[in-house]
Amino acid sequence: MTDSHSIKAVVFDMDGVLFDSERITRIMWKKAADEWGLSDIETAVRDCTGSSRPDQWVYLKKKYGGDFKAKEFREYCSALFHSYVDENGLPLMPHAKEILSYLKEKKYPLALASSTRRIAVEKELKDAGLWSYFNATICGDEVEHSKPAPEIYLRACSLLGLDPELCCAVEDSPNGIRSAHSARMKCVMVPDQIQPDGEIKEMLYRLCTSLEDLRTFL
């Protein structure tokens, strides 16, 4: 196993890693699917987790037919999500703020690589008081292909001025792990809604039960 002392920076995913948002997303997709009469939405949520909205549109059209109004469906899911968050708030994942503070104290440069659009990323990070922890951010609407393609992580490492092999990615989804692994990063998974299968486990540098576990090797 690679020596953890070779890790010079940490790049975080946002949804499902820093925010308990994937759980809410799953609930809202199910609600929307029931209203739209869609079957097997659980598979769609799993396969789309971590990917950008345009990539999700492509997936949904493949799954539900070329005439399926994928963009409108995702906009409706998003409206349900934001209505819920406006009323109830967006909760942080356990130890999220504490681990960011710890890593800053240890002098690790931090970046965020999220498939979510920048307007939402900035609002959610600033509302939660997390924005100032990050040296760089790259969002889903700023790359041609988001996760599982490696572009978003390669861009994040470039913004930090470091080789990807010297950076650790903290992810919760298979698509995110595939993206970071393709970028040649050290992949740390903190599973949220999806547990890793054998394929994903082979890509991991560490499998953690919570963000607090990062203290054991960083």
Protein backbone atom coordinates (compact mmCIF):
# COMPACT_ATOMS: atom_id res chain seq x y z
CA MET A 1 0.00 0.00 0.00
CA THR A 2 1.25 3.46 -0.88
CA ASP A 3 2.74 5.44 2.01
CA SER A 4 0.22 8.03 3.22
CA HIS A 5 3.08 10.51 3.66
CA SER A 6 3.10 10.85 -0.15
CA ILE A 7 -0.35 12.48 0.04
CA LYS A 8 0.14 16.23 -0.37
CA ALA A 9 -3.48 17.41 -0.84
CA VAL A 10 -7.06 16.22 -0.40
CA VAL A 11 -9.89 16.67 -2.91
CA PHE A 12 -13.45 16.19 -1.64
CA ASP A 13 -16.65 15.31 -3.39
CA MET A 14 -19.57 17.29 -1.92
CA ASP A 15 -22.92 15.48 -2.04
CA GLY A 16 -22.96 12.41 0.16
CA VAL A 17 -19.49 13.23 1.53
CA LEU A 18 -19.82 16.68 3.13
CA PHE A 19 -23.61 17.01 2.94
CA ASP A 20 -26.28 14.42 3.72
CA SER A 21 -27.86 15.23 0.38
CA GLU A 22 -27.85 11.89 -1.45
CA ARG A 23 -30.43 10.51 0.98
CA ILE A 24 -32.73 13.46 0.27
CA THR A 25 -32.09 13.14 -3.48
CA ARG A 26 -33.09 9.47 -3.41
CA ILE A 27 -36.35 10.30 -1.64
CA MET A 28 -37.20 13.07 -4.11
CA TRP A 29 -36.38 10.98 -7.18
CA LYS A 30 -38.71 8.28 -5.83
CA LYS A 31 -41.46 10.83 -5.23
CA ALA A 32 -41.06 12.25 -8.74
CA ALA A 33 -40.94 8.78 -10.31
CA ASP A 34 -44.17 7.79 -8.57
CA GLU A 35 -45.86 10.89 -9.95
CA TRP A 36 -44.46 10.29 -13.44
CA GLY A 37 -45.25 6.57 -13.40
CA LEU A 38 -41.61 5.46 -13.78
CA SER A 39 -40.38 2.03 -12.78
CA ASP A 40 -37.00 0.94 -11.39
CA ILE A 41 -36.03 4.44 -10.24
CA GLU A 42 -33.70 2.99 -7.59
CA THR A 43 -31.40 1.71 -10.32
CA ALA A 44 -31.49 5.08 -12.05
CA VAL A 45 -30.61 6.93 -8.84
CA ARG A 46 -27.72 4.54 -8.16
CA ASP A 47 -26.31 4.79 -11.68
CA CYS A 48 -26.66 8.58 -11.82
CA THR A 49 -25.19 9.31 -8.39
CA GLY A 50 -22.05 11.38 -8.80
CA SER A 51 -22.61 12.24 -12.46
CA SER A 52 -23.47 15.65 -13.94
CA ARG A 53 -26.96 16.66 -14.97
CA PRO A 54 -26.33 16.46 -18.77
CA ASP A 55 -24.89 12.96 -18.34
CA GLN A 56 -27.98 12.06 -16.31
CA TRP A 57 -30.21 13.27 -19.14
CA VAL A 58 -28.44 10.92 -21.53
CA TYR A 59 -28.78 8.01 -19.10
CA LEU A 60 -32.48 8.64 -18.46
CA LYS A 61 -33.28 8.77 -22.16
CA LYS A 62 -31.50 5.45 -22.67
CA LYS A 63 -33.41 3.92 -19.77
CA TYR A 64 -36.88 5.35 -20.37
CA GLY A 65 -36.84 5.97 -24.13
CA GLY A 66 -35.61 8.61 -26.53
CA ASP A 67 -38.79 10.68 -26.16
CA PHE A 68 -38.58 10.74 -22.37
CA LYS A 69 -38.45 14.30 -21.07
CA ALA A 70 -35.27 13.75 -19.09
CA LYS A 71 -34.41 17.42 -18.58
CA GLU A 72 -37.89 18.23 -17.32
CA PHE A 73 -37.84 15.23 -14.98
CA ARG A 74 -34.50 16.27 -13.47
CA GLU A 75 -35.69 19.84 -13.10
CA TYR A 76 -38.73 18.56 -11.21
CA CYS A 77 -36.55 16.37 -8.97
CA SER A 78 -34.35 19.39 -8.31
CA ALA A 79 -37.35 21.56 -7.46
CA LEU A 80 -38.55 18.96 -4.96
CA PHE A 81 -35.05 18.76 -3.46
CA HIS A 82 -34.65 22.51 -3.06
CA SER A 83 -38.17 22.89 -1.66
CA TYR A 84 -37.29 20.34 1.00
CA VAL A 85 -33.92 21.97 1.76
CA ASP A 86 -35.46 25.46 1.94
CA GLU A 87 -37.88 24.19 4.57
CA ASN A 88 -35.65 21.78 6.49
CA GLY A 89 -32.06 22.81 5.75
CA LEU A 90 -29.25 20.71 4.26
CA PRO A 91 -27.59 18.69 7.01
CA LEU A 92 -23.85 18.09 7.12
CA MET A 93 -22.46 14.58 7.20
CA PRO A 94 -21.00 13.53 10.57
CA HIS A 95 -17.53 15.06 11.24
CA ALA A 96 -17.58 17.12 8.00
CA LYS A 97 -16.58 20.47 9.46
CA GLU A 98 -14.27 18.87 12.02
CA ILE A 99 -12.26 16.96 9.41
CA LEU A 100 -11.91 20.03 7.20
CA SER A 101 -10.61 22.00 10.18
CA TYR A 102 -8.24 19.17 11.08
CA LEU A 103 -6.80 18.95 7.54
CA LYS A 104 -6.37 22.73 7.37
CA GLU A 105 -4.48 22.64 10.66
CA LYS A 106 -2.26 19.92 9.16
CA LYS A 107 -1.54 22.29 6.24
CA TYR A 108 -3.13 20.12 3.53
CA PRO A 109 -4.32 22.09 0.49
CA LEU A 110 -8.00 21.25 -0.04
CA ALA A 111 -10.09 21.23 -3.21
CA LEU A 112 -13.68 20.37 -4.02
CA ALA A 113 -14.69 18.41 -7.14
CA SER A 114 -18.46 18.23 -7.39
CA SER A 115 -20.73 17.20 -10.25
CA THR A 116 -23.25 19.74 -8.96
CA ARG A 117 -23.56 23.09 -10.73
CA ARG A 118 -21.42 25.95 -9.40
CA ILE A 119 -24.34 28.16 -8.38
CA ALA A 120 -25.59 25.43 -6.03
CA VAL A 121 -22.12 24.43 -4.81
CA GLU A 122 -21.19 27.95 -3.78
CA LYS A 123 -24.53 28.58 -2.05
CA GLU A 124 -24.48 25.32 -0.11
CA LEU A 125 -20.85 25.64 0.97
CA LYS A 126 -21.25 29.26 2.01
CA ASP A 127 -24.51 28.62 3.87
CA ALA A 128 -22.81 25.82 5.82
CA GLY A 129 -19.67 27.86 6.54
CA LEU A 130 -17.43 25.51 4.53
CA TRP A 131 -16.45 27.71 1.58
CA SER A 132 -13.32 29.16 3.18
CA TYR A 133 -11.75 25.74 3.75
CA PHE A 134 -11.12 25.17 0.03
CA ASN A 135 -8.17 26.40 -1.98
CA ALA A 136 -9.91 25.45 -5.23
CA THR A 137 -13.31 24.28 -6.48
CA ILE A 138 -14.36 22.72 -9.77
CA CYS A 139 -18.00 21.97 -10.58
CA GLY A 140 -20.01 19.80 -12.93
CA ASP A 141 -20.97 22.63 -15.28
CA GLU A 142 -17.31 23.57 -15.78
CA VAL A 143 -16.17 20.31 -17.40
CA GLU A 144 -17.25 18.63 -20.62
CA HIS A 145 -17.69 15.24 -18.96
CA SER A 146 -18.13 14.92 -15.23
CA LYS A 147 -17.73 11.73 -13.17
CA PRO A 148 -17.03 8.89 -13.95
CA ALA A 149 -14.72 10.60 -16.48
CA PRO A 150 -11.46 11.79 -14.84
CA GLU A 151 -11.60 15.38 -16.14
CA ILE A 152 -13.05 16.98 -13.01
CA TYR A 153 -10.39 15.46 -10.74
CA LEU A 154 -7.58 16.24 -13.14
CA ARG A 155 -8.75 19.86 -13.19
CA ALA A 156 -8.92 19.96 -9.39
CA CYS A 157 -5.35 18.69 -9.04
CA SER A 158 -4.19 21.15 -11.70
CA LEU A 159 -5.77 24.02 -9.76
CA LEU A 160 -3.83 22.88 -6.69
CA GLY A 161 -0.64 22.68 -8.78
CA LEU A 162 -0.04 19.04 -7.87
CA ASP A 163 0.32 15.75 -9.70
CA PRO A 164 -2.83 13.62 -9.20
CA GLU A 165 -0.72 10.78 -7.80
CA LEU A 166 0.11 13.06 -4.86
CA CYS A 167 -3.55 13.79 -4.13
CA CYS A 168 -6.22 11.88 -2.26
CA ALA A 169 -9.87 11.91 -3.39
CA VAL A 170 -12.64 11.45 -0.81
CA GLU A 171 -15.75 10.00 -2.42
CA ASP A 172 -18.99 8.20 -1.55
CA SER A 173 -20.11 6.90 -4.96
CA PRO A 174 -18.83 4.35 -7.47
CA ASN A 175 -18.91 6.97 -10.24
CA GLY A 176 -16.75 9.25 -8.12
CA ILE A 177 -14.27 6.49 -7.33
CA ARG A 178 -14.01 5.57 -11.02
CA SER A 179 -13.33 9.22 -11.85
CA ALA A 180 -10.59 9.64 -9.24
CA HIS A 181 -9.03 6.26 -10.03
CA SER A 182 -8.88 7.12 -13.74
CA ALA A 183 -7.12 10.34 -12.72
CA ARG A 184 -4.49 8.19 -10.88
CA MET A 185 -5.39 9.57 -7.47
CA LYS A 186 -5.46 7.74 -4.16
CA CYS A 187 -9.13 6.87 -3.70
CA VAL A 188 -10.73 7.01 -0.26
CA MET A 189 -14.36 5.91 -0.07
CA VAL A 190 -16.75 6.82 2.72
CA PRO A 191 -19.90 5.02 1.51
CA ASP A 192 -23.24 6.75 1.92
CA GLN A 193 -26.15 5.35 -0.10
CA ILE A 194 -24.14 2.83 -2.14
CA GLN A 195 -21.75 0.21 -0.80
CA PRO A 196 -18.67 -0.68 -2.91
CA ASP A 197 -18.66 -3.93 -4.88
CA GLY A 198 -15.56 -5.96 -5.72
CA GLU A 199 -14.69 -3.79 -8.71
CA ILE A 200 -14.73 -0.59 -6.66
CA LYS A 201 -12.87 -2.09 -3.70
CA GLU A 202 -9.96 -2.91 -6.02
CA MET A 203 -9.62 0.82 -6.79
CA LEU A 204 -9.50 1.98 -3.16
CA TYR A 205 -6.59 3.24 -1.13
CA ARG A 206 -8.78 3.25 1.97
CA LEU A 207 -12.38 2.26 2.79
CA CYS A 208 -13.64 4.33 5.72
CA THR A 209 -16.77 4.15 7.83
CA SER A 210 -16.87 7.92 8.42
CA LEU A 211 -14.93 11.08 7.66
CA GLU A 212 -13.39 10.82 11.12
CA ASP A 213 -11.37 7.83 9.85
CA LEU A 214 -9.27 10.19 7.68
CA ARG A 215 -7.40 11.14 10.85
CA THR A 216 -5.89 7.65 10.99
CA PHE A 217 -3.76 8.18 7.87
CA LEU A 218 -3.67 11.93 7.18
